[in-house]
Amino acid sequence: MRWEIEPTGCCEHKGQRQIRLCFYLEPGDARYKEHHVDCPVIPKDGYPGSKNSDGSPRSEKKHKQWHNALPKKWQTNPFHNHFIYVALDATDEDIAKQAEALLPQFYRQWQHGVTPGVKNGRH
C-alpha cells in the first residue's frame, strides 16, 4: 500500500492546512482488483460525433460504439481518500507521519469490507 497527497484537495481551512490523502493498493493487497481498472483514454476534444444543443451525443448507439473503441489504459484508483488538518507550519515529515499512521488503519477496514473513514476526525 502507499499514499499520495492529492493537490486538488489541499487548501487553508479554518486556520489550518487541509491535506487530501489518497490511499492506493498494490498487487497482492486485499481486493486490489476492485481499484485496478481498465479505463478508456478520452481525447481532449471528447466525442467527435453529432451533439445536441446541450452537448450530449445525438446517437447513444454511436457514442457507445465510439467509447468502446477508445484505447484503454490500466490505472489504480485510490481505495480511500481522507482529509487531514495540520498546522500551517507543519513539515512534510509531520504530514508523512500522519499518513503512515492512517494507512494501516484504513487498510484493515478495507480488508474486512468496511468502507474506511473517520468522519470529521482531526489528526
PDB file of N, CA and C in Angstrom:
ATOM      1  N   MET A   1       0.842  -1.173   0.000  1.00  0.00           N
ATOM      2  CA  MET A   1       0.000   0.000   0.000  1.00  0.00           C
ATOM      3  C   MET A   1       0.885   1.233   0.000  1.00  0.00           C
ATOM      4  N   ARG A   2       0.270   2.309  -0.453  1.00  0.00           N
ATOM      5  CA  ARG A   2       1.011   3.572  -0.467  1.00  0.00           C
ATOM      6  C   ARG A   2       0.011   4.716  -0.363  1.00  0.00           C
ATOM      7  N   TRP A   3       0.513   5.892  -0.116  1.00  0.00           N
ATOM      8  CA  TRP A   3      -0.330   7.071  -0.049  1.00  0.00           C
ATOM      9  C   TRP A   3       0.324   8.187  -0.860  1.00  0.00           C
ATOM     10  N   GLU A   4      -0.497   9.102  -1.301  1.00  0.00           N
ATOM     11  CA  GLU A   4      -0.013  10.288  -2.011  1.00  0.00           C
ATOM     12  C   GLU A   4      -0.855  11.482  -1.586  1.00  0.00           C
ATOM     13  N   ILE A   5      -0.279  12.655  -1.668  1.00  0.00           N
ATOM     14  CA  ILE A   5      -1.036  13.880  -1.457  1.00  0.00           C
ATOM     15  C   ILE A   5      -1.692  14.253  -2.776  1.00  0.00           C
ATOM     16  N   GLU A   6      -2.992  14.531  -2.734  1.00  0.00           N
ATOM     17  CA  GLU A   6      -3.734  14.976  -3.919  1.00  0.00           C
ATOM     18  C   GLU A   6      -3.857  16.499  -3.832  1.00  0.00           C
ATOM     19  N   PRO A   7      -3.094  17.220  -4.659  1.00  0.00           N
ATOM     20  CA  PRO A   7      -3.066  18.685  -4.559  1.00  0.00           C
ATOM     21  C   PRO A   7      -4.425  19.367  -4.714  1.00  0.00           C
ATOM     22  N   THR A   8      -5.342  18.776  -5.469  1.00  0.00           N
ATOM     23  CA  THR A   8      -6.617  19.448  -5.680  1.00  0.00           C
ATOM     24  C   THR A   8      -7.444  19.536  -4.404  1.00  0.00           C
ATOM     25  N   GLY A   9      -7.085  18.778  -3.396  1.00  0.00           N
ATOM     26  CA  GLY A   9      -7.838  18.820  -2.147  1.00  0.00           C
ATOM     27  C   GLY A   9      -7.122  19.571  -1.042  1.00  0.00           C
ATOM     28  N   CYS A  10      -6.088  20.306  -1.399  1.00  0.00           N
ATOM     29  CA  CYS A  10      -5.290  20.990  -0.385  1.00  0.00           C
ATOM     30  C   CYS A  10      -5.585  22.485  -0.399  1.00  0.00           C
ATOM     31  N   CYS A  11      -5.749  23.033   0.798  1.00  0.00           N
ATOM     32  CA  CYS A  11      -6.006  24.470   0.925  1.00  0.00           C
ATOM     33  C   CYS A  11      -5.872  24.856   2.396  1.00  0.00           C
ATOM     34  N   GLU A  12      -6.071  26.130   2.673  1.00  0.00           N
ATOM     35  CA  GLU A  12      -6.152  26.567   4.060  1.00  0.00           C
ATOM     36  C   GLU A  12      -7.615  26.482   4.470  1.00  0.00           C
ATOM     37  N   HIS A  13      -7.856  25.922   5.647  1.00  0.00           N
ATOM     38  CA  HIS A  13      -9.232  25.734   6.115  1.00  0.00           C
ATOM     39  C   HIS A  13      -9.282  26.031   7.610  1.00  0.00           C
ATOM     40  N   LYS A  14      -9.979  27.094   7.969  1.00  0.00           N
ATOM     41  CA  LYS A  14     -10.166  27.476   9.377  1.00  0.00           C
ATOM     42  C   LYS A  14      -8.840  27.580  10.115  1.00  0.00           C
ATOM     43  N   GLY A  15      -7.878  28.209   9.481  1.00  0.00           N
ATOM     44  CA  GLY A  15      -6.588  28.449  10.124  1.00  0.00           C
ATOM     45  C   GLY A  15      -5.645  27.269  10.139  1.00  0.00           C
ATOM     46  N   GLN A  16      -5.998  26.205   9.437  1.00  0.00           N
ATOM     47  CA  GLN A  16      -5.114  25.045   9.328  1.00  0.00           C
ATOM     48  C   GLN A  16      -4.918  24.702   7.862  1.00  0.00           C
ATOM     49  N   ARG A  17      -3.932  23.871   7.611  1.00  0.00           N
ATOM     50  CA  ARG A  17      -3.703  23.383   6.264  1.00  0.00           C
ATOM     51  C   ARG A  17      -4.514  22.101   6.081  1.00  0.00           C
ATOM     52  N   GLN A  18      -5.382  22.091   5.071  1.00  0.00           N
ATOM     53  CA  GLN A  18      -6.161  20.890   4.740  1.00  0.00           C
ATOM     54  C   GLN A  18      -5.379  20.115   3.695  1.00  0.00           C
ATOM     55  N   ILE A  19      -5.134  18.848   3.956  1.00  0.00           N
ATOM     56  CA  ILE A  19      -4.373  17.982   3.049  1.00  0.00           C
ATOM     57  C   ILE A  19      -5.255  16.804   2.668  1.00  0.00           C
ATOM     58  N   ARG A  20      -5.394  16.572   1.367  1.00  0.00           N
ATOM     59  CA  ARG A  20      -6.136  15.400   0.909  1.00  0.00           C
ATOM     60  C   ARG A  20      -5.148  14.282   0.628  1.00  0.00           C
ATOM     61  N   LEU A  21      -5.335  13.176   1.325  1.00  0.00           N
ATOM     62  CA  LEU A  21      -4.503  11.997   1.135  1.00  0.00           C
ATOM     63  C   LEU A  21      -5.268  10.953   0.333  1.00  0.00           C
ATOM     64  N   CYS A  22      -4.613  10.360  -0.635  1.00  0.00           N
ATOM     65  CA  CYS A  22      -5.171   9.258  -1.413  1.00  0.00           C
ATOM     66  C   CYS A  22      -4.388   8.002  -1.038  1.00  0.00           C
ATOM     67  N   PHE A  23      -5.129   6.954  -0.705  1.00  0.00           N
ATOM     68  CA  PHE A  23      -4.522   5.688  -0.310  1.00  0.00           C
ATOM     69  C   PHE A  23      -4.735   4.663  -1.423  1.00  0.00           C
ATOM     70  N   TYR A  24      -3.634   4.063  -1.869  1.00  0.00           N
ATOM     71  CA  TYR A  24      -3.649   3.146  -3.003  1.00  0.00           C
ATOM     72  C   TYR A  24      -3.247   1.735  -2.589  1.00  0.00           C
ATOM     73  N   LEU A  25      -3.862   0.767  -3.256  1.00  0.00           N
ATOM     74  CA  LEU A  25      -3.487  -0.631  -3.083  1.00  0.00           C
ATOM     75  C   LEU A  25      -2.417  -0.991  -4.097  1.00  0.00           C
ATOM     76  N   GLU A  26      -1.690  -2.049  -3.807  1.00  0.00           N
ATOM     77  CA  GLU A  26      -0.681  -2.561  -4.729  1.00  0.00           C
ATOM     78  C   GLU A  26      -0.958  -4.038  -4.981  1.00  0.00           C
ATOM     79  N   PRO A  27      -0.400  -4.590  -6.064  1.00  0.00           N
ATOM     80  CA  PRO A  27      -0.633  -6.012  -6.337  1.00  0.00           C
ATOM     81  C   PRO A  27      -0.343  -6.850  -5.085  1.00  0.00           C
ATOM     82  N   GLY A  28      -1.249  -7.783  -4.801  1.00  0.00           N
ATOM     83  CA  GLY A  28      -1.111  -8.625  -3.614  1.00  0.00           C
ATOM     84  C   GLY A  28      -1.923  -8.131  -2.429  1.00  0.00           C
ATOM     85  N   ASP A  29      -2.322  -6.855  -2.432  1.00  0.00           N
ATOM     86  CA  ASP A  29      -3.160  -6.330  -1.359  1.00  0.00           C
ATOM     87  C   ASP A  29      -4.591  -6.831  -1.542  1.00  0.00           C
ATOM     88  N   ALA A  30      -5.298  -6.977  -0.426  1.00  0.00           N
ATOM     89  CA  ALA A  30      -6.684  -7.445  -0.458  1.00  0.00           C
ATOM     90  C   ALA A  30      -7.541  -6.559  -1.349  1.00  0.00           C
ATOM     91  N   ARG A  31      -8.338  -7.179  -2.193  1.00  0.00           N
ATOM     92  CA  ARG A  31      -9.315  -6.507  -3.061  1.00  0.00           C
ATOM     93  C   ARG A  31      -8.661  -5.524  -4.053  1.00  0.00           C
ATOM     94  N   TYR A  32      -7.410  -5.768  -4.375  1.00  0.00           N
ATOM     95  CA  TYR A  32      -6.672  -4.899  -5.300  1.00  0.00           C
ATOM     96  C   TYR A  32      -7.402  -4.719  -6.627  1.00  0.00           C
ATOM     97  N   LYS A  33      -7.946  -5.805  -7.161  1.00  0.00           N
ATOM     98  CA  LYS A  33      -8.562  -5.755  -8.494  1.00  0.00           C
ATOM     99  C   LYS A  33      -9.768  -4.829  -8.560  1.00  0.00           C
ATOM    100  N   GLU A  34     -10.372  -4.524  -7.424  1.00  0.00           N
ATOM    101  CA  GLU A  34     -11.520  -3.616  -7.420  1.00  0.00           C
ATOM    102  C   GLU A  34     -11.139  -2.191  -7.815  1.00  0.00           C
ATOM    103  N   HIS A  35      -9.877  -1.834  -7.603  1.00  0.00           N
ATOM    104  CA  HIS A  35      -9.443  -0.474  -7.907  1.00  0.00           C
ATOM    105  C   HIS A  35      -8.333  -0.410  -8.946  1.00  0.00           C
ATOM    106  N   HIS A  36      -7.990  -1.539  -9.529  1.00  0.00           N
ATOM    107  CA  HIS A  36      -7.042  -1.567 -10.646  1.00  0.00           C
ATOM    108  C   HIS A  36      -7.888  -1.840 -11.881  1.00  0.00           C
ATOM    109  N   VAL A  37      -8.201  -0.782 -12.611  1.00  0.00           N
ATOM    110  CA  VAL A  37      -9.222  -0.863 -13.649  1.00  0.00           C
ATOM    111  C   VAL A  37      -8.699  -0.421 -15.013  1.00  0.00           C
ATOM    112  N   ASP A  38      -9.329  -0.956 -16.039  1.00  0.00           N
ATOM    113  CA  ASP A  38      -9.010  -0.622 -17.428  1.00  0.00           C
ATOM    114  C   ASP A  38      -9.911   0.545 -17.837  1.00  0.00           C
ATOM    115  N   CYS A  39      -9.324   1.704 -18.071  1.00  0.00           N
ATOM    116  CA  CYS A  39     -10.100   2.918 -18.346  1.00  0.00           C
ATOM    117  C   CYS A  39      -9.863   3.407 -19.772  1.00  0.00           C
ATOM    118  N   PRO A  40     -10.919   3.908 -20.415  1.00  0.00           N
ATOM    119  CA  PRO A  40     -10.736   4.466 -21.757  1.00  0.00           C
ATOM    120  C   PRO A  40      -9.932   5.763 -21.702  1.00  0.00           C
ATOM    121  N   VAL A  41      -9.132   5.970 -22.724  1.00  0.00           N
ATOM    122  CA  VAL A  41      -8.381   7.224 -22.850  1.00  0.00           C
ATOM    123  C   VAL A  41      -9.235   8.150 -23.714  1.00  0.00           C
ATOM    124  N   ILE A  42      -9.866   9.117 -23.081  1.00  0.00           N
ATOM    125  CA  ILE A  42     -10.787  10.009 -23.788  1.00  0.00           C
ATOM    126  C   ILE A  42     -10.000  11.180 -24.372  1.00  0.00           C
ATOM    127  N   PRO A  43     -10.134  11.418 -25.669  1.00  0.00           N
ATOM    128  CA  PRO A  43      -9.406  12.520 -26.293  1.00  0.00           C
ATOM    129  C   PRO A  43      -9.785  13.868 -25.681  1.00  0.00           C
ATOM    130  N   LYS A  44      -8.867  14.797 -25.763  1.00  0.00           N
ATOM    131  CA  LYS A  44      -9.063  16.146 -25.204  1.00  0.00           C
ATOM    132  C   LYS A  44     -10.358  16.788 -25.705  1.00  0.00           C
ATOM    133  N   ASP A  45     -10.669  16.599 -26.971  1.00  0.00           N
ATOM    134  CA  ASP A  45     -11.859  17.221 -27.557  1.00  0.00           C
ATOM    135  C   ASP A  45     -13.130  16.407 -27.328  1.00  0.00           C
ATOM    136  N   GLY A  46     -13.016  15.244 -26.706  1.00  0.00           N
ATOM    137  CA  GLY A  46     -14.191  14.440 -26.395  1.00  0.00           C
ATOM    138  C   GLY A  46     -14.810  13.787 -27.617  1.00  0.00           C
ATOM    139  N   TYR A  47     -16.086  13.511 -27.503  1.00  0.00           N
ATOM    140  CA  TYR A  47     -16.833  12.816 -28.558  1.00  0.00           C
ATOM    141  C   TYR A  47     -16.902  13.674 -29.816  1.00  0.00           C
ATOM    142  N   PRO A  48     -16.475  13.131 -30.976  1.00  0.00           N
ATOM    143  CA  PRO A  48     -16.445  13.915 -32.212  1.00  0.00           C
ATOM    144  C   PRO A  48     -17.748  13.888 -33.018  1.00  0.00           C
ATOM    145  N   GLY A  49     -18.691  13.046 -32.619  1.00  0.00           N
ATOM    146  CA  GLY A  49     -19.926  12.905 -33.395  1.00  0.00           C
ATOM    147  C   GLY A  49     -20.909  14.044 -33.168  1.00  0.00           C
ATOM    148  N   SER A  50     -22.068  13.932 -33.810  1.00  0.00           N
ATOM    149  CA  SER A  50     -23.119  14.944 -33.704  1.00  0.00           C
ATOM    150  C   SER A  50     -23.614  15.047 -32.270  1.00  0.00           C
ATOM    151  N   LYS A  51     -23.857  16.318 -31.851  1.00  0.00           N
ATOM    152  CA  LYS A  51     -24.297  16.558 -30.476  1.00  0.00           C
ATOM    153  C   LYS A  51     -25.541  17.426 -30.469  1.00  0.00           C
ATOM    154  N   ASN A  52     -26.312  17.260 -29.415  1.00  0.00           N
ATOM    155  CA  ASN A  52     -27.470  18.115 -29.179  1.00  0.00           C
ATOM    156  C   ASN A  52     -26.999  19.486 -28.711  1.00  0.00           C
ATOM    157  N   SER A  53     -27.914  20.421 -28.600  1.00  0.00           N
ATOM    158  CA  SER A  53     -27.549  21.778 -28.177  1.00  0.00           C
ATOM    159  C   SER A  53     -26.943  21.809 -26.775  1.00  0.00           C
ATOM    160  N   ASP A  54     -27.267  20.826 -25.936  1.00  0.00           N
ATOM    161  CA  ASP A  54     -26.690  20.782 -24.590  1.00  0.00           C
ATOM    162  C   ASP A  54     -25.340  20.052 -24.554  1.00  0.00           C
ATOM    163  N   GLY A  55     -24.841  19.612 -25.715  1.00  0.00           N
ATOM    164  CA  GLY A  55     -23.547  18.944 -25.808  1.00  0.00           C
ATOM    165  C   GLY A  55     -23.606  17.436 -25.686  1.00  0.00           C
ATOM    166  N   SER A  56     -24.765  16.890 -25.406  1.00  0.00           N
ATOM    167  CA  SER A  56     -24.889  15.431 -25.297  1.00  0.00           C
ATOM    168  C   SER A  56     -24.933  14.810 -26.695  1.00  0.00           C
ATOM    169  N   PRO A  57     -24.455  13.579 -26.827  1.00  0.00           N
ATOM    170  CA  PRO A  57     -24.462  12.924 -28.139  1.00  0.00           C
ATOM    171  C   PRO A  57     -25.893  12.735 -28.662  1.00  0.00           C
ATOM    172  N   ARG A  58     -26.059  12.937 -29.961  1.00  0.00           N
ATOM    173  CA  ARG A  58     -27.386  12.729 -30.574  1.00  0.00           C
ATOM    174  C   ARG A  58     -27.739  11.251 -30.640  1.00  0.00           C
ATOM    175  N   SER A  59     -26.738  10.437 -30.889  1.00  0.00           N
ATOM    176  CA  SER A  59     -26.977   8.999 -31.006  1.00  0.00           C
ATOM    177  C   SER A  59     -26.259   8.273 -29.868  1.00  0.00           C
ATOM    178  N   GLU A  60     -27.042   7.699 -28.984  1.00  0.00           N
ATOM    179  CA  GLU A  60     -26.461   6.941 -27.876  1.00  0.00           C
ATOM    180  C   GLU A  60     -25.692   5.731 -28.402  1.00  0.00           C
ATOM    181  N   LYS A  61     -26.226   5.104 -29.440  1.00  0.00           N
ATOM    182  CA  LYS A  61     -25.582   3.927 -30.027  1.00  0.00           C
ATOM    183  C   LYS A  61     -24.208   4.288 -30.603  1.00  0.00           C
ATOM    184  N   LYS A  62     -24.135   5.372 -31.375  1.00  0.00           N
ATOM    185  CA  LYS A  62     -22.849   5.778 -31.963  1.00  0.00           C
ATOM    186  C   LYS A  62     -21.867   6.212 -30.878  1.00  0.00           C
ATOM    187  N   HIS A  63     -22.378   6.891 -29.866  1.00  0.00           N
ATOM    188  CA  HIS A  63     -21.500   7.304 -28.769  1.00  0.00           C
ATOM    189  C   HIS A  63     -20.928   6.081 -28.060  1.00  0.00           C
ATOM    190  N   LYS A  64     -21.773   5.081 -27.815  1.00  0.00           N
ATOM    191  CA  LYS A  64     -21.311   3.864 -27.155  1.00  0.00           C
ATOM    192  C   LYS A  64     -20.260   3.141 -28.002  1.00  0.00           C
ATOM    193  N   GLN A  65     -20.485   3.074 -29.317  1.00  0.00           N
ATOM    194  CA  GLN A  65     -19.510   2.437 -30.211  1.00  0.00           C
ATOM    195  C   GLN A  65     -18.176   3.180 -30.159  1.00  0.00           C
ATOM    196  N   TRP A  66     -18.237   4.515 -30.204  1.00  0.00           N
ATOM    197  CA  TRP A  66     -17.018   5.331 -30.138  1.00  0.00           C
ATOM    198  C   TRP A  66     -16.304   5.082 -28.810  1.00  0.00           C
ATOM    199  N   HIS A  67     -17.052   5.113 -27.728  1.00  0.00           N
ATOM    200  CA  HIS A  67     -16.472   4.935 -26.394  1.00  0.00           C
ATOM    201  C   HIS A  67     -15.825   3.556 -26.251  1.00  0.00           C
ATOM    202  N   ASN A  68     -16.502   2.527 -26.735  1.00  0.00           N
ATOM    203  CA  ASN A  68     -15.965   1.163 -26.639  1.00  0.00           C
ATOM    204  C   ASN A  68     -14.723   0.955 -27.490  1.00  0.00           C
ATOM    205  N   ALA A  69     -14.562   1.761 -28.552  1.00  0.00           N
ATOM    206  CA  ALA A  69     -13.408   1.617 -29.442  1.00  0.00           C
ATOM    207  C   ALA A  69     -12.183   2.413 -28.968  1.00  0.00           C
ATOM    208  N   LEU A  70     -12.346   3.239 -27.948  1.00  0.00           N
ATOM    209  CA  LEU A  70     -11.219   4.045 -27.465  1.00  0.00           C
ATOM    210  C   LEU A  70     -10.111   3.148 -26.925  1.00  0.00           C
ATOM    211  N   PRO A  71      -8.857   3.590 -27.050  1.00  0.00           N
ATOM    212  CA  PRO A  71      -7.774   2.828 -26.421  1.00  0.00           C
ATOM    213  C   PRO A  71      -7.971   2.845 -24.902  1.00  0.00           C
ATOM    214  N   LYS A  72      -7.445   1.830 -24.264  1.00  0.00           N
ATOM    215  CA  LYS A  72      -7.598   1.692 -22.818  1.00  0.00           C
ATOM    216  C   LYS A  72      -6.231   1.738 -22.135  1.00  0.00           C
ATOM    217  N   LYS A  73      -6.254   2.139 -20.882  1.00  0.00           N
ATOM    218  CA  LYS A  73      -5.036   2.061 -20.067  1.00  0.00           C
ATOM    219  C   LYS A  73      -5.435   1.595 -18.678  1.00  0.00           C
ATOM    220  N   TRP A  74      -4.549   0.834 -18.054  1.00  0.00           N
ATOM    221  CA  TRP A  74      -4.785   0.364 -16.702  1.00  0.00           C
ATOM    222  C   TRP A  74      -4.394   1.464 -15.732  1.00  0.00           C
ATOM    223  N   GLN A  75      -5.224   1.678 -14.736  1.00  0.00           N
ATOM    224  CA  GLN A  75      -4.874   2.624 -13.686  1.00  0.00           C
ATOM    225  C   GLN A  75      -5.372   2.091 -12.348  1.00  0.00           C
ATOM    226  N   THR A  76      -4.702   2.497 -11.311  1.00  0.00           N
ATOM    227  CA  THR A  76      -5.115   2.121  -9.970  1.00  0.00           C
ATOM    228  C   THR A  76      -5.729   3.344  -9.325  1.00  0.00           C
ATOM    229  N   ASN A  77      -6.988   3.241  -8.966  1.00  0.00           N
ATOM    230  CA  ASN A  77      -7.683   4.318  -8.279  1.00  0.00           C
ATOM    231  C   ASN A  77      -7.491   4.167  -6.777  1.00  0.00           C
ATOM    232  N   PRO A  78      -7.580   5.261  -6.023  1.00  0.00           N
ATOM    233  CA  PRO A  78      -7.453   5.138  -4.571  1.00  0.00           C
ATOM    234  C   PRO A  78      -8.581   4.279  -3.990  1.00  0.00           C
ATOM    235  N   PHE A  79      -8.253   3.489  -2.976  1.00  0.00           N
ATOM    236  CA  PHE A  79      -9.312   2.743  -2.285  1.00  0.00           C
ATOM    237  C   PHE A  79      -9.940   3.615  -1.209  1.00  0.00           C
ATOM    238  N   HIS A  80      -9.264   4.700  -0.868  1.00  0.00           N
ATOM    239  CA  HIS A  80      -9.816   5.625   0.120  1.00  0.00           C
ATOM    240  C   HIS A  80      -9.135   6.983  -0.025  1.00  0.00           C
ATOM    241  N   ASN A  81      -9.909   8.035   0.196  1.00  0.00           N
ATOM    242  CA  ASN A  81      -9.396   9.404   0.247  1.00  0.00           C
ATOM    243  C   ASN A  81      -9.728   9.950   1.623  1.00  0.00           C
ATOM    244  N   HIS A  82      -8.831  10.731   2.179  1.00  0.00           N
ATOM    245  CA  HIS A  82      -9.046  11.225   3.535  1.00  0.00           C
ATOM    246  C   HIS A  82      -8.394  12.600   3.689  1.00  0.00           C
ATOM    247  N   PHE A  83      -9.083  13.494   4.355  1.00  0.00           N
ATOM    248  CA  PHE A  83      -8.526  14.806   4.647  1.00  0.00           C
ATOM    249  C   PHE A  83      -7.932  14.806   6.052  1.00  0.00           C
ATOM    250  N   ILE A  84      -6.765  15.398   6.159  1.00  0.00           N
ATOM    251  CA  ILE A  84      -6.195  15.669   7.473  1.00  0.00           C
ATOM    252  C   ILE A  84      -6.034  17.181   7.569  1.00  0.00           C
ATOM    253  N   TYR A  85      -5.952  17.661   8.786  1.00  0.00           N
ATOM    254  CA  TYR A  85      -5.777  19.091   9.034  1.00  0.00           C
ATOM    255  C   TYR A  85      -4.562  19.253   9.924  1.00  0.00           C
ATOM    256  N   VAL A  86      -3.621  20.047   9.468  1.00  0.00           N
ATOM    257  CA  VAL A  86      -2.371  20.237  10.198  1.00  0.00           C
ATOM    258  C   VAL A  86      -2.121  21.724  10.361  1.00  0.00           C
ATOM    259  N   ALA A  87      -1.245  22.065  11.279  1.00  0.00           N
ATOM    260  CA  ALA A  87      -0.871  23.457  11.482  1.00  0.00           C
ATOM    261  C   ALA A  87      -0.249  24.004  10.197  1.00  0.00           C
ATOM    262  N   LEU A  88      -0.384  25.285  10.009  1.00  0.00           N
ATOM    263  CA  LEU A  88       0.165  25.902   8.799  1.00  0.00           C
ATOM    264  C   LEU A  88       1.677  25.717   8.701  1.00  0.00           C
ATOM    265  N   ASP A  89       2.347  25.585   9.823  1.00  0.00           N
ATOM    266  CA  ASP A  89       3.804  25.414   9.795  1.00  0.00           C
ATOM    267  C   ASP A  89       4.226  23.943   9.872  1.00  0.00           C
ATOM    268  N   ALA A  90       3.288  23.008   9.688  1.00  0.00           N
ATOM    269  CA  ALA A  90       3.625  21.579   9.707  1.00  0.00           C
ATOM    270  C   ALA A  90       4.608  21.252   8.594  1.00  0.00           C
ATOM    271  N   THR A  91       5.506  20.364   8.885  1.00  0.00           N
ATOM    272  CA  THR A  91       6.521  19.970   7.902  1.00  0.00           C
ATOM    273  C   THR A  91       6.034  18.778   7.077  1.00  0.00           C
ATOM    274  N   ASP A  92       6.740  18.505   5.988  1.00  0.00           N
ATOM    275  CA  ASP A  92       6.443  17.325   5.191  1.00  0.00           C
ATOM    276  C   ASP A  92       6.550  16.062   6.051  1.00  0.00           C
ATOM    277  N   GLU A  93       7.506  16.058   6.972  1.00  0.00           N
ATOM    278  CA  GLU A  93       7.694  14.915   7.869  1.00  0.00           C
ATOM    279  C   GLU A  93       6.472  14.744   8.780  1.00  0.00           C
ATOM    280  N   ASP A  94       5.916  15.838   9.285  1.00  0.00           N
ATOM    281  CA  ASP A  94       4.712  15.770  10.120  1.00  0.00           C
ATOM    282  C   ASP A  94       3.554  15.147   9.340  1.00  0.00           C
ATOM    283  N   ILE A  95       3.396  15.578   8.112  1.00  0.00           N
ATOM    284  CA  ILE A  95       2.306  15.070   7.261  1.00  0.00           C
ATOM    285  C   ILE A  95       2.523  13.585   6.967  1.00  0.00           C
ATOM    286  N   ALA A  96       3.759  13.221   6.639  1.00  0.00           N
ATOM    287  CA  ALA A  96       4.074  11.819   6.330  1.00  0.00           C
ATOM    288  C   ALA A  96       3.810  10.918   7.535  1.00  0.00           C
ATOM    289  N   LYS A  97       4.120  11.373   8.743  1.00  0.00           N
ATOM    290  CA  LYS A  97       3.874  10.566   9.942  1.00  0.00           C
ATOM    291  C   LYS A  97       2.387  10.282  10.096  1.00  0.00           C
ATOM    292  N   GLN A  98       1.552  11.293   9.862  1.00  0.00           N
ATOM    293  CA  GLN A  98       0.107  11.089   9.983  1.00  0.00           C
ATOM    294  C   GLN A  98      -0.397  10.129   8.916  1.00  0.00           C
ATOM    295  N   ALA A  99       0.071  10.312   7.690  1.00  0.00           N
ATOM    296  CA  ALA A  99      -0.364   9.441   6.594  1.00  0.00           C
ATOM    297  C   ALA A  99       0.050   7.995   6.851  1.00  0.00           C
ATOM    298  N   GLU A 100       1.283   7.797   7.297  1.00  0.00           N
ATOM    299  CA  GLU A 100       1.782   6.445   7.572  1.00  0.00           C
ATOM    300  C   GLU A 100       1.009   5.791   8.710  1.00  0.00           C
ATOM    301  N   ALA A 101       0.562   6.579   9.688  1.00  0.00           N
ATOM    302  CA  ALA A 101      -0.223   6.036  10.798  1.00  0.00           C
ATOM    303  C   ALA A 101      -1.633   5.663  10.348  1.00  0.00           C
ATOM    304  N   LEU A 102      -2.207   6.419   9.417  1.00  0.00           N
ATOM    305  CA  LEU A 102      -3.564   6.165   8.958  1.00  0.00           C
ATOM    306  C   LEU A 102      -3.657   4.997   7.976  1.00  0.00           C
ATOM    307  N   LEU A 103      -2.629   4.798   7.165  1.00  0.00           N
ATOM    308  CA  LEU A 103      -2.673   3.793   6.108  1.00  0.00           C
ATOM    309  C   LEU A 103      -3.047   2.399   6.622  1.00  0.00           C
ATOM    310  N   PRO A 104      -2.391   1.868   7.646  1.00  0.00           N
ATOM    311  CA  PRO A 104      -2.768   0.518   8.092  1.00  0.00           C
ATOM    312  C   PRO A 104      -4.171   0.466   8.701  1.00  0.00           C
ATOM    313  N   GLN A 105      -4.591   1.547   9.340  1.00  0.00           N
ATOM    314  CA  GLN A 105      -5.940   1.592   9.923  1.00  0.00           C
ATOM    315  C   GLN A 105      -6.997   1.475   8.830  1.00  0.00           C
ATOM    316  N   PHE A 106      -6.853   2.265   7.772  1.00  0.00           N
ATOM    317  CA  PHE A 106      -7.833   2.214   6.692  1.00  0.00           C
ATOM    318  C   PHE A 106      -7.746   0.900   5.930  1.00  0.00           C
ATOM    319  N   TYR A 107      -6.550   0.355   5.780  1.00  0.00           N
ATOM    320  CA  TYR A 107      -6.400  -0.915   5.074  1.00  0.00           C
ATOM    321  C   TYR A 107      -7.060  -2.051   5.850  1.00  0.00           C
ATOM    322  N   ARG A 108      -6.919  -2.067   7.174  1.00  0.00           N
ATOM    323  CA  ARG A 108      -7.581  -3.113   7.970  1.00  0.00           C
ATOM    324  C   ARG A 108      -9.090  -3.079   7.746  1.00  0.00           C
ATOM    325  N   GLN A 109      -9.655  -1.875   7.730  1.00  0.00           N
ATOM    326  CA  GLN A 109     -11.091  -1.752   7.481  1.00  0.00           C
ATOM    327  C   GLN A 109     -11.426  -2.254   6.076  1.00  0.00           C
ATOM    328  N   TRP A 110     -10.635  -1.872   5.111  1.00  0.00           N
ATOM    329  CA  TRP A 110     -10.845  -2.264   3.714  1.00  0.00           C
ATOM    330  C   TRP A 110     -10.812  -3.778   3.562  1.00  0.00           C
ATOM    331  N   GLN A 111      -9.857  -4.435   4.213  1.00  0.00           N
ATOM    332  CA  GLN A 111      -9.729  -5.891   4.127  1.00  0.00           C
ATOM    333  C   GLN A 111     -11.001  -6.598   4.593  1.00  0.00           C
ATOM    334  N   HIS A 112     -11.708  -5.998   5.536  1.00  0.00           N
ATOM    335  CA  HIS A 112     -12.894  -6.619   6.117  1.00  0.00           C
ATOM    336  C   HIS A 112     -14.185  -6.113   5.498  1.00  0.00           C
ATOM    337  N   GLY A 113     -14.076  -5.431   4.359  1.00  0.00           N
ATOM    338  CA  GLY A 113     -15.265  -4.989   3.645  1.00  0.00           C
ATOM    339  C   GLY A 113     -15.939  -3.767   4.226  1.00  0.00           C
ATOM    340  N   VAL A 114     -15.253  -3.088   5.130  1.00  0.00           N
ATOM    341  CA  VAL A 114     -15.787  -1.871   5.729  1.00  0.00           C
ATOM    342  C   VAL A 114     -15.244  -0.683   4.949  1.00  0.00           C
ATOM    343  N   THR A 115     -16.117   0.267   4.618  1.00  0.00           N
ATOM    344  CA  THR A 115     -15.638   1.470   3.948  1.00  0.00           C
ATOM    345  C   THR A 115     -14.831   2.268   4.956  1.00  0.00           C
ATOM    346  N   PRO A 116     -13.530   2.475   4.680  1.00  0.00           N
ATOM    347  CA  PRO A 116     -12.707   3.192   5.644  1.00  0.00           C
ATOM    348  C   PRO A 116     -13.207   4.615   5.855  1.00  0.00           C
ATOM    349  N   GLY A 117     -12.961   5.123   7.041  1.00  0.00           N
ATOM    350  CA  GLY A 117     -13.294   6.517   7.269  1.00  0.00           C
ATOM    351  C   GLY A 117     -13.319   6.893   8.733  1.00  0.00           C
ATOM    352  N   VAL A 118     -12.912   8.098   8.974  1.00  0.00           N
ATOM    353  CA  VAL A 118     -13.036   8.699  10.285  1.00  0.00           C
ATOM    354  C   VAL A 118     -13.704  10.029  10.016  1.00  0.00           C
ATOM    355  N   LYS A 119     -15.010  10.091  10.223  1.00  0.00           N
ATOM    356  CA  LYS A 119     -15.778  11.277   9.857  1.00  0.00           C
ATOM    357  C   LYS A 119     -15.380  12.459  10.737  1.00  0.00           C
ATOM    358  N   ASN A 120     -15.003  13.538  10.059  1.00  0.00           N
ATOM    359  CA  ASN A 120     -14.661  14.786  10.733  1.00  0.00           C
ATOM    360  C   ASN A 120     -13.574  14.624  11.779  1.00  0.00           C
ATOM    361  N   GLY A 121     -12.690  13.654  11.559  1.00  0.00           N
ATOM    362  CA  GLY A 121     -11.614  13.444  12.506  1.00  0.00           C
ATOM    363  C   GLY A 121     -10.513  14.486  12.370  1.00  0.00           C
ATOM    364  N   ARG A 122      -9.958  14.884  13.473  1.00  0.00           N
ATOM    365  CA  ARG A 122      -8.802  15.781  13.479  1.00  0.00           C
ATOM    366  C   ARG A 122      -7.600  14.918  13.883  1.00  0.00           C
ATOM    367  N   HIS A 123      -6.509  15.078  13.151  1.00  0.00           N
ATOM    368  CA  HIS A 123      -5.326  14.240  13.422  1.00  0.00           C
ATOM    369  C   HIS A 123      -4.143  15.134  13.716  1.00  0.00           C
TER     370      HIS A 123
END
